[in-house]
N, C-alpha and C. Protein backbone atom coordinates (compact mmCIF):
# COMPACT_ATOMS: atom_id res chain seq x y z
N MET A 1 -18.14 16.05 -10.86
CA MET A 1 -18.65 16.29 -9.52
C MET A 1 -17.49 16.24 -8.52
N ALA A 2 -17.43 17.19 -7.64
CA ALA A 2 -16.36 17.28 -6.64
C ALA A 2 -16.47 16.15 -5.63
N MET A 3 -15.31 15.74 -5.13
CA MET A 3 -15.27 14.71 -4.09
C MET A 3 -15.74 15.30 -2.77
N SER A 4 -16.35 14.47 -1.95
CA SER A 4 -16.74 14.90 -0.61
C SER A 4 -15.52 14.85 0.30
N GLU A 5 -15.64 15.45 1.45
CA GLU A 5 -14.54 15.41 2.42
C GLU A 5 -14.21 13.97 2.81
N ASP A 6 -15.22 13.15 2.99
CA ASP A 6 -15.00 11.74 3.34
C ASP A 6 -14.28 11.00 2.21
N GLU A 7 -14.63 11.28 0.97
CA GLU A 7 -13.96 10.64 -0.17
C GLU A 7 -12.50 11.08 -0.27
N ILE A 8 -12.26 12.37 -0.03
CA ILE A 8 -10.89 12.88 -0.04
C ILE A 8 -10.09 12.22 1.08
N ARG A 9 -10.68 12.13 2.26
CA ARG A 9 -10.01 11.50 3.40
C ARG A 9 -9.66 10.04 3.10
N GLU A 10 -10.61 9.30 2.52
CA GLU A 10 -10.38 7.89 2.19
C GLU A 10 -9.29 7.75 1.13
N ALA A 11 -9.31 8.58 0.11
CA ALA A 11 -8.29 8.53 -0.93
C ALA A 11 -6.92 8.88 -0.36
N MET A 12 -6.88 9.87 0.53
CA MET A 12 -5.62 10.26 1.15
C MET A 12 -5.11 9.14 2.07
N ARG A 13 -6.02 8.50 2.82
CA ARG A 13 -5.65 7.39 3.69
C ARG A 13 -5.00 6.28 2.87
N LYS A 14 -5.60 5.95 1.73
CA LYS A 14 -5.06 4.90 0.86
C LYS A 14 -3.69 5.30 0.31
N SER A 15 -3.54 6.56 -0.06
CA SER A 15 -2.26 7.03 -0.59
C SER A 15 -1.16 6.95 0.47
N PHE A 16 -1.46 7.41 1.67
CA PHE A 16 -0.46 7.35 2.74
C PHE A 16 -0.18 5.92 3.16
N SER A 17 -1.18 5.06 3.11
CA SER A 17 -0.97 3.65 3.43
C SER A 17 -0.03 3.01 2.42
N ALA A 18 -0.23 3.28 1.15
CA ALA A 18 0.66 2.74 0.11
C ALA A 18 2.07 3.27 0.30
N TYR A 19 2.19 4.54 0.62
CA TYR A 19 3.50 5.16 0.84
C TYR A 19 4.22 4.50 2.02
N THR A 20 3.53 4.33 3.14
CA THR A 20 4.18 3.74 4.31
C THR A 20 4.56 2.29 4.07
N THR A 21 3.75 1.56 3.31
CA THR A 21 4.09 0.17 2.98
C THR A 21 5.38 0.13 2.16
N LYS A 22 5.49 0.99 1.16
CA LYS A 22 6.70 1.03 0.33
C LYS A 22 7.91 1.46 1.13
N MET A 23 7.74 2.43 2.02
CA MET A 23 8.86 2.88 2.85
C MET A 23 9.30 1.77 3.81
N ARG A 24 8.35 1.03 4.36
CA ARG A 24 8.69 -0.08 5.26
C ARG A 24 9.49 -1.14 4.51
N ARG A 25 9.05 -1.47 3.31
CA ARG A 25 9.77 -2.45 2.51
C ARG A 25 11.17 -1.95 2.14
N ALA A 26 11.27 -0.70 1.76
CA ALA A 26 12.58 -0.12 1.42
C ALA A 26 13.50 -0.14 2.64
N SER A 27 12.96 0.13 3.80
CA SER A 27 13.75 0.11 5.03
C SER A 27 14.28 -1.29 5.32
N LEU A 28 13.45 -2.31 5.08
CA LEU A 28 13.90 -3.69 5.27
C LEU A 28 15.02 -4.05 4.30
N VAL A 29 14.90 -3.62 3.05
CA VAL A 29 15.94 -3.88 2.05
C VAL A 29 17.23 -3.17 2.45
N LEU A 30 17.12 -1.91 2.86
CA LEU A 30 18.29 -1.15 3.29
C LEU A 30 18.95 -1.83 4.47
N GLY A 31 18.16 -2.23 5.45
CA GLY A 31 18.72 -2.90 6.63
C GLY A 31 19.47 -4.18 6.26
N SER A 32 18.88 -4.96 5.36
CA SER A 32 19.55 -6.19 4.91
C SER A 32 20.86 -5.88 4.20
N ASN A 33 20.82 -4.90 3.31
CA ASN A 33 22.03 -4.53 2.58
C ASN A 33 23.12 -4.02 3.52
N LEU A 34 22.75 -3.20 4.50
CA LEU A 34 23.73 -2.68 5.44
C LEU A 34 24.32 -3.79 6.29
N SER A 35 23.51 -4.76 6.64
CA SER A 35 24.01 -5.91 7.41
C SER A 35 25.07 -6.68 6.63
N VAL A 36 24.79 -6.92 5.35
CA VAL A 36 25.76 -7.62 4.50
C VAL A 36 27.02 -6.78 4.36
N LEU A 37 26.86 -5.48 4.13
CA LEU A 37 28.02 -4.61 3.97
C LEU A 37 28.84 -4.49 5.25
N LYS A 38 28.18 -4.53 6.40
CA LYS A 38 28.90 -4.50 7.68
C LYS A 38 29.77 -5.75 7.78
N GLY A 39 29.24 -6.89 7.38
CA GLY A 39 30.04 -8.12 7.36
C GLY A 39 31.23 -8.00 6.42
N GLU A 40 31.00 -7.41 5.26
CA GLU A 40 32.09 -7.20 4.29
C GLU A 40 33.15 -6.25 4.86
N ALA A 41 32.70 -5.22 5.56
CA ALA A 41 33.63 -4.28 6.16
C ALA A 41 34.48 -4.98 7.22
N ASN A 42 33.88 -5.88 7.98
CA ASN A 42 34.65 -6.64 8.97
C ASN A 42 35.67 -7.54 8.29
N LEU A 43 35.26 -8.19 7.20
CA LEU A 43 36.19 -9.04 6.45
C LEU A 43 37.34 -8.23 5.87
N ALA A 44 37.02 -7.02 5.40
CA ALA A 44 38.04 -6.15 4.80
C ALA A 44 38.89 -5.47 5.87
N LYS A 45 38.49 -5.64 7.14
CA LYS A 45 39.21 -5.04 8.28
C LYS A 45 39.35 -3.52 8.13
N LEU A 46 38.21 -2.88 7.81
CA LEU A 46 38.21 -1.41 7.76
C LEU A 46 38.58 -0.86 9.13
N GLU A 47 39.34 0.18 9.15
CA GLU A 47 39.86 0.71 10.41
C GLU A 47 39.15 1.99 10.84
N GLY A 48 39.21 2.23 12.16
CA GLY A 48 38.82 3.51 12.73
C GLY A 48 37.43 4.01 12.42
N GLY A 49 36.45 3.16 12.44
CA GLY A 49 35.08 3.60 12.21
C GLY A 49 34.80 4.00 10.77
N ALA A 50 35.57 3.45 9.84
CA ALA A 50 35.38 3.81 8.42
C ALA A 50 33.98 3.43 7.94
N PHE A 51 33.47 2.29 8.40
CA PHE A 51 32.14 1.87 7.96
C PHE A 51 31.09 2.91 8.36
N GLY A 52 31.15 3.35 9.62
CA GLY A 52 30.19 4.36 10.09
C GLY A 52 30.33 5.67 9.35
N ARG A 53 31.57 6.08 9.10
CA ARG A 53 31.81 7.34 8.37
C ARG A 53 31.23 7.25 6.96
N ILE A 54 31.50 6.15 6.27
CA ILE A 54 30.99 5.96 4.91
C ILE A 54 29.46 5.96 4.93
N ALA A 55 28.88 5.24 5.90
CA ALA A 55 27.41 5.18 5.99
C ALA A 55 26.82 6.57 6.21
N ARG A 56 27.43 7.36 7.11
CA ARG A 56 26.93 8.73 7.36
C ARG A 56 27.03 9.60 6.12
N GLU A 57 28.15 9.51 5.41
CA GLU A 57 28.33 10.31 4.19
C GLU A 57 27.29 9.95 3.13
N GLU A 58 27.10 8.65 2.93
CA GLU A 58 26.15 8.21 1.90
C GLU A 58 24.71 8.51 2.30
N MET A 59 24.39 8.40 3.60
CA MET A 59 23.04 8.73 4.05
C MET A 59 22.78 10.21 3.90
N SER A 60 23.79 11.03 4.15
CA SER A 60 23.64 12.47 3.98
C SER A 60 23.33 12.81 2.53
N ALA A 61 24.07 12.19 1.61
CA ALA A 61 23.83 12.43 0.18
C ALA A 61 22.43 11.96 -0.22
N ALA A 62 22.02 10.80 0.28
CA ALA A 62 20.69 10.28 -0.04
C ALA A 62 19.61 11.18 0.54
N ASP A 63 19.83 11.67 1.76
CA ASP A 63 18.86 12.56 2.40
C ASP A 63 18.71 13.86 1.61
N GLN A 64 19.82 14.39 1.11
CA GLN A 64 19.75 15.61 0.30
C GLN A 64 18.96 15.36 -0.99
N ARG A 65 19.17 14.19 -1.63
CA ARG A 65 18.41 13.86 -2.84
C ARG A 65 16.92 13.73 -2.53
N MET A 66 16.59 13.07 -1.41
CA MET A 66 15.18 12.89 -1.05
C MET A 66 14.53 14.23 -0.75
N THR A 67 15.24 15.10 -0.05
CA THR A 67 14.71 16.43 0.26
C THR A 67 14.48 17.24 -1.01
N ALA A 68 15.44 17.19 -1.93
CA ALA A 68 15.29 17.91 -3.19
C ALA A 68 14.14 17.34 -4.01
N ASP A 69 14.02 16.02 -4.04
CA ASP A 69 12.91 15.40 -4.77
C ASP A 69 11.57 15.80 -4.17
N ALA A 70 11.47 15.80 -2.85
CA ALA A 70 10.21 16.17 -2.20
C ALA A 70 9.84 17.61 -2.54
N ALA A 71 10.83 18.49 -2.51
CA ALA A 71 10.57 19.90 -2.82
C ALA A 71 10.16 20.08 -4.28
N THR A 72 10.70 19.24 -5.16
CA THR A 72 10.43 19.38 -6.59
C THR A 72 9.15 18.67 -7.02
N PHE A 73 8.96 17.46 -6.52
CA PHE A 73 7.91 16.60 -7.07
C PHE A 73 6.70 16.38 -6.17
N HIS A 74 6.77 16.76 -4.90
CA HIS A 74 5.63 16.49 -4.02
C HIS A 74 4.44 17.31 -4.48
N PRO A 75 3.30 16.68 -4.62
CA PRO A 75 2.15 17.38 -5.21
C PRO A 75 1.62 18.53 -4.37
N THR A 76 1.94 18.60 -3.10
CA THR A 76 1.40 19.69 -2.29
C THR A 76 2.28 20.92 -2.29
N VAL A 77 3.48 20.84 -2.82
CA VAL A 77 4.39 21.98 -2.79
C VAL A 77 3.80 23.23 -3.44
N PRO A 78 3.26 23.15 -4.68
CA PRO A 78 2.71 24.38 -5.26
C PRO A 78 1.58 24.97 -4.41
N PHE A 79 0.75 24.09 -3.86
CA PHE A 79 -0.36 24.57 -3.03
C PHE A 79 0.17 25.28 -1.78
N ILE A 80 1.15 24.70 -1.12
CA ILE A 80 1.71 25.30 0.08
C ILE A 80 2.36 26.64 -0.27
N ASN A 81 3.06 26.71 -1.39
CA ASN A 81 3.67 27.98 -1.79
C ASN A 81 2.61 29.04 -2.06
N GLU A 82 1.51 28.64 -2.69
CA GLU A 82 0.45 29.60 -2.98
C GLU A 82 -0.20 30.11 -1.70
N VAL A 83 -0.42 29.22 -0.76
CA VAL A 83 -1.09 29.60 0.47
C VAL A 83 -0.19 30.47 1.36
N SER A 84 1.10 30.10 1.44
CA SER A 84 1.99 30.84 2.33
C SER A 84 2.62 32.05 1.65
N GLY A 85 2.53 32.13 0.32
CA GLY A 85 3.22 33.20 -0.40
C GLY A 85 2.50 34.48 -0.50
């Protein structure tokens, strides 16, 4: 039996809630790690904004991986391609 619109909405709400909870936790872990690494960079006396440059480079690489993963693995991608194609 097919799900009703309300059932789909509730299931989607739960899925997005779980996703945002995991993202919030990951953000807290990242923030803590960056704080520790910033302290290490100060101890190492990195010069000329090296910490910021390294952080931007690594975030760019991570962003590219996340974008590629979303395009490959997100469950709505095939549907969107079918509808827009």
